[in-house]
Amino acid sequence: MSDEWLNNRLVTLIERDVLATIDNDVILDHFQQMDGRRFSL
């Protein structure tokens, strides 16, 4: 587990009030637009 990964998770825990104001659909759209890490061989 890297420090960056852990820091990112802690921010979501600490800033819970801010994250509660973000619509779930916005978050889902963001991740759906990201390129996948897997690829066919």
PDB file of N, CA and C in Angstrom:
ATOM      1  N   MET A   1       0.855  -1.158   0.000  1.00  0.00           N
ATOM      2  CA  MET A   1       0.000   0.000   0.000  1.00  0.00           C
ATOM      3  C   MET A   1       0.910   1.233   0.000  1.00  0.00           C
ATOM      4  N   SER A   2       0.686   2.110  -0.942  1.00  0.00           N
ATOM      5  CA  SER A   2       1.536   3.296  -1.025  1.00  0.00           C
ATOM      6  C   SER A   2       0.983   4.429  -0.156  1.00  0.00           C
ATOM      7  N   ASP A   3       1.848   5.375   0.141  1.00  0.00           N
ATOM      8  CA  ASP A   3       1.439   6.534   0.943  1.00  0.00           C
ATOM      9  C   ASP A   3       0.400   7.369   0.217  1.00  0.00           C
ATOM     10  N   GLU A   4       0.550   7.494  -1.092  1.00  0.00           N
ATOM     11  CA  GLU A   4      -0.404   8.291  -1.872  1.00  0.00           C
ATOM     12  C   GLU A   4      -1.796   7.673  -1.806  1.00  0.00           C
ATOM     13  N   TRP A   5      -1.878   6.356  -1.932  1.00  0.00           N
ATOM     14  CA  TRP A   5      -3.168   5.661  -1.877  1.00  0.00           C
ATOM     15  C   TRP A   5      -3.831   5.898  -0.527  1.00  0.00           C
ATOM     16  N   LEU A   6      -3.062   5.760   0.539  1.00  0.00           N
ATOM     17  CA  LEU A   6      -3.598   5.949   1.882  1.00  0.00           C
ATOM     18  C   LEU A   6      -4.016   7.404   2.109  1.00  0.00           C
ATOM     19  N   ASN A   7      -3.224   8.346   1.648  1.00  0.00           N
ATOM     20  CA  ASN A   7      -3.566   9.762   1.789  1.00  0.00           C
ATOM     21  C   ASN A   7      -4.874  10.090   1.085  1.00  0.00           C
ATOM     22  N   ASN A   8      -5.067   9.547  -0.110  1.00  0.00           N
ATOM     23  CA  ASN A   8      -6.303   9.795  -0.849  1.00  0.00           C
ATOM     24  C   ASN A   8      -7.509   9.258  -0.097  1.00  0.00           C
ATOM     25  N   ARG A   9      -7.372   8.117   0.531  1.00  0.00           N
ATOM     26  CA  ARG A   9      -8.488   7.540   1.290  1.00  0.00           C
ATOM     27  C   ARG A   9      -8.771   8.351   2.547  1.00  0.00           C
ATOM     28  N   LEU A  10      -7.739   8.855   3.184  1.00  0.00           N
ATOM     29  CA  LEU A  10      -7.937   9.653   4.394  1.00  0.00           C
ATOM     30  C   LEU A  10      -8.620  10.980   4.087  1.00  0.00           C
ATOM     31  N   VAL A  11      -8.324  11.555   2.945  1.00  0.00           N
ATOM     32  CA  VAL A  11      -8.970  12.813   2.565  1.00  0.00           C
ATOM     33  C   VAL A  11     -10.475  12.608   2.462  1.00  0.00           C
ATOM     34  N   THR A  12     -10.888  11.495   1.861  1.00  0.00           N
ATOM     35  CA  THR A  12     -12.325  11.249   1.751  1.00  0.00           C
ATOM     36  C   THR A  12     -12.975  11.054   3.116  1.00  0.00           C
ATOM     37  N   LEU A  13     -12.263  10.514   4.054  1.00  0.00           N
ATOM     38  CA  LEU A  13     -12.791  10.342   5.401  1.00  0.00           C
ATOM     39  C   LEU A  13     -12.860  11.684   6.139  1.00  0.00           C
ATOM     40  N   ILE A  14     -11.799  12.455   6.042  1.00  0.00           N
ATOM     41  CA  ILE A  14     -11.720  13.726   6.765  1.00  0.00           C
ATOM     42  C   ILE A  14     -12.676  14.759   6.185  1.00  0.00           C
ATOM     43  N   GLU A  15     -12.767  14.799   4.857  1.00  0.00           N
ATOM     44  CA  GLU A  15     -13.604  15.799   4.178  1.00  0.00           C
ATOM     45  C   GLU A  15     -14.981  15.242   3.843  1.00  0.00           C
ATOM     46  N   ARG A  16     -15.530  14.462   4.730  1.00  0.00           N
ATOM     47  CA  ARG A  16     -16.821  13.819   4.510  1.00  0.00           C
ATOM     48  C   ARG A  16     -17.932  14.820   4.228  1.00  0.00           C
ATOM     49  N   ASP A  17     -17.928  15.977   4.906  1.00  0.00           N
ATOM     50  CA  ASP A  17     -18.968  16.991   4.706  1.00  0.00           C
ATOM     51  C   ASP A  17     -18.927  17.547   3.285  1.00  0.00           C
ATOM     52  N   VAL A  18     -17.728  17.766   2.769  1.00  0.00           N
ATOM     53  CA  VAL A  18     -17.588  18.298   1.413  1.00  0.00           C
ATOM     54  C   VAL A  18     -18.055  17.258   0.398  1.00  0.00           C
ATOM     55  N   LEU A  19     -17.665  16.031   0.587  1.00  0.00           N
ATOM     56  CA  LEU A  19     -18.039  14.973  -0.345  1.00  0.00           C
ATOM     57  C   LEU A  19     -19.538  14.696  -0.328  1.00  0.00           C
ATOM     58  N   ALA A  20     -20.188  14.969   0.775  1.00  0.00           N
ATOM     59  CA  ALA A  20     -21.632  14.750   0.860  1.00  0.00           C
ATOM     60  C   ALA A  20     -22.401  15.703  -0.044  1.00  0.00           C
ATOM     61  N   THR A  21     -21.790  16.809  -0.431  1.00  0.00           N
ATOM     62  CA  THR A  21     -22.461  17.787  -1.291  1.00  0.00           C
ATOM     63  C   THR A  21     -22.329  17.440  -2.775  1.00  0.00           C
ATOM     64  N   ILE A  22     -21.492  16.473  -3.115  1.00  0.00           N
ATOM     65  CA  ILE A  22     -21.278  16.097  -4.508  1.00  0.00           C
ATOM     66  C   ILE A  22     -22.290  15.022  -4.886  1.00  0.00           C
ATOM     67  N   ASP A  23     -22.948  15.226  -6.011  1.00  0.00           N
ATOM     68  CA  ASP A  23     -23.941  14.273  -6.499  1.00  0.00           C
ATOM     69  C   ASP A  23     -23.264  12.976  -6.931  1.00  0.00           C
ATOM     70  N   ASN A  24     -23.824  11.852  -6.561  1.00  0.00           N
ATOM     71  CA  ASN A  24     -23.249  10.556  -6.912  1.00  0.00           C
ATOM     72  C   ASN A  24     -23.134  10.351  -8.413  1.00  0.00           C
ATOM     73  N   ASP A  25     -24.071  10.904  -9.175  1.00  0.00           N
ATOM     74  CA  ASP A  25     -24.023  10.756 -10.625  1.00  0.00           C
ATOM     75  C   ASP A  25     -22.782  11.417 -11.222  1.00  0.00           C
ATOM     76  N   VAL A  26     -22.342  12.518 -10.637  1.00  0.00           N
ATOM     77  CA  VAL A  26     -21.129  13.190 -11.100  1.00  0.00           C
ATOM     78  C   VAL A  26     -19.914  12.284 -10.887  1.00  0.00           C
ATOM     79  N   ILE A  27     -19.855  11.643  -9.753  1.00  0.00           N
ATOM     80  CA  ILE A  27     -18.744  10.741  -9.445  1.00  0.00           C
ATOM     81  C   ILE A  27     -18.765   9.539 -10.384  1.00  0.00           C
ATOM     82  N   LEU A  28     -19.949   8.956 -10.584  1.00  0.00           N
ATOM     83  CA  LEU A  28     -20.067   7.813 -11.483  1.00  0.00           C
ATOM     84  C   LEU A  28     -19.662   8.176 -12.908  1.00  0.00           C
ATOM     85  N   ASP A  29     -20.092   9.328 -13.388  1.00  0.00           N
ATOM     86  CA  ASP A  29     -19.719   9.776 -14.739  1.00  0.00           C
ATOM     87  C   ASP A  29     -18.212   9.926 -14.868  1.00  0.00           C
ATOM     88  N   HIS A  30     -17.588  10.456 -13.840  1.00  0.00           N
ATOM     89  CA  HIS A  30     -16.136  10.650 -13.865  1.00  0.00           C
ATOM     90  C   HIS A  30     -15.417   9.308 -14.036  1.00  0.00           C
ATOM     91  N   PHE A  31     -15.797   8.330 -13.258  1.00  0.00           N
ATOM     92  CA  PHE A  31     -15.131   7.029 -13.327  1.00  0.00           C
ATOM     93  C   PHE A  31     -15.473   6.268 -14.607  1.00  0.00           C
ATOM     94  N   GLN A  32     -16.670   6.464 -15.131  1.00  0.00           N
ATOM     95  CA  GLN A  32     -17.044   5.797 -16.367  1.00  0.00           C
ATOM     96  C   GLN A  32     -16.266   6.355 -17.557  1.00  0.00           C
ATOM     97  N   GLN A  33     -15.836   7.600 -17.483  1.00  0.00           N
ATOM     98  CA  GLN A  33     -15.085   8.214 -18.567  1.00  0.00           C
ATOM     99  C   GLN A  33     -13.599   7.879 -18.513  1.00  0.00           C
ATOM    100  N   MET A  34     -13.147   7.301 -17.415  1.00  0.00           N
ATOM    101  CA  MET A  34     -11.746   6.933 -17.291  1.00  0.00           C
ATOM    102  C   MET A  34     -11.462   5.713 -18.149  1.00  0.00           C
ATOM    103  N   ASP A  35     -10.254   5.624 -18.686  1.00  0.00           N
ATOM    104  CA  ASP A  35      -9.850   4.451 -19.452  1.00  0.00           C
ATOM    105  C   ASP A  35      -9.646   3.286 -18.500  1.00  0.00           C
ATOM    106  N   GLY A  36      -9.996   2.117 -18.974  1.00  0.00           N
ATOM    107  CA  GLY A  36      -9.812   0.918 -18.162  1.00  0.00           C
ATOM    108  C   GLY A  36      -8.332   0.543 -18.090  1.00  0.00           C
ATOM    109  N   ARG A  37      -7.960  -0.153 -17.074  1.00  0.00           N
ATOM    110  CA  ARG A  37      -6.568  -0.579 -16.918  1.00  0.00           C
ATOM    111  C   ARG A  37      -6.318  -1.919 -17.608  1.00  0.00           C
ATOM    112  N   ARG A  38      -7.379  -2.669 -17.845  1.00  0.00           N
ATOM    113  CA  ARG A  38      -7.220  -3.982 -18.453  1.00  0.00           C
ATOM    114  C   ARG A  38      -7.294  -3.855 -19.972  1.00  0.00           C
ATOM    115  N   PHE A  39      -6.631  -4.760 -20.630  1.00  0.00           N
ATOM    116  CA  PHE A  39      -6.677  -4.786 -22.079  1.00  0.00           C
ATOM    117  C   PHE A  39      -6.540  -6.227 -22.554  1.00  0.00           C
ATOM    118  N   SER A  40      -7.032  -6.463 -23.757  1.00  0.00           N
ATOM    119  CA  SER A  40      -6.981  -7.812 -24.313  1.00  0.00           C
ATOM    120  C   SER A  40      -5.609  -8.095 -24.863  1.00  0.00           C
ATOM    121  N   LEU A  41      -5.149  -9.330 -24.703  1.00  0.00           N
ATOM    122  CA  LEU A  41      -3.866  -9.724 -25.248  1.00  0.00           C
ATOM    123  C   LEU A  41      -4.041 -10.362 -26.609  1.00  0.00           C
TER     124      LEU A  41
END
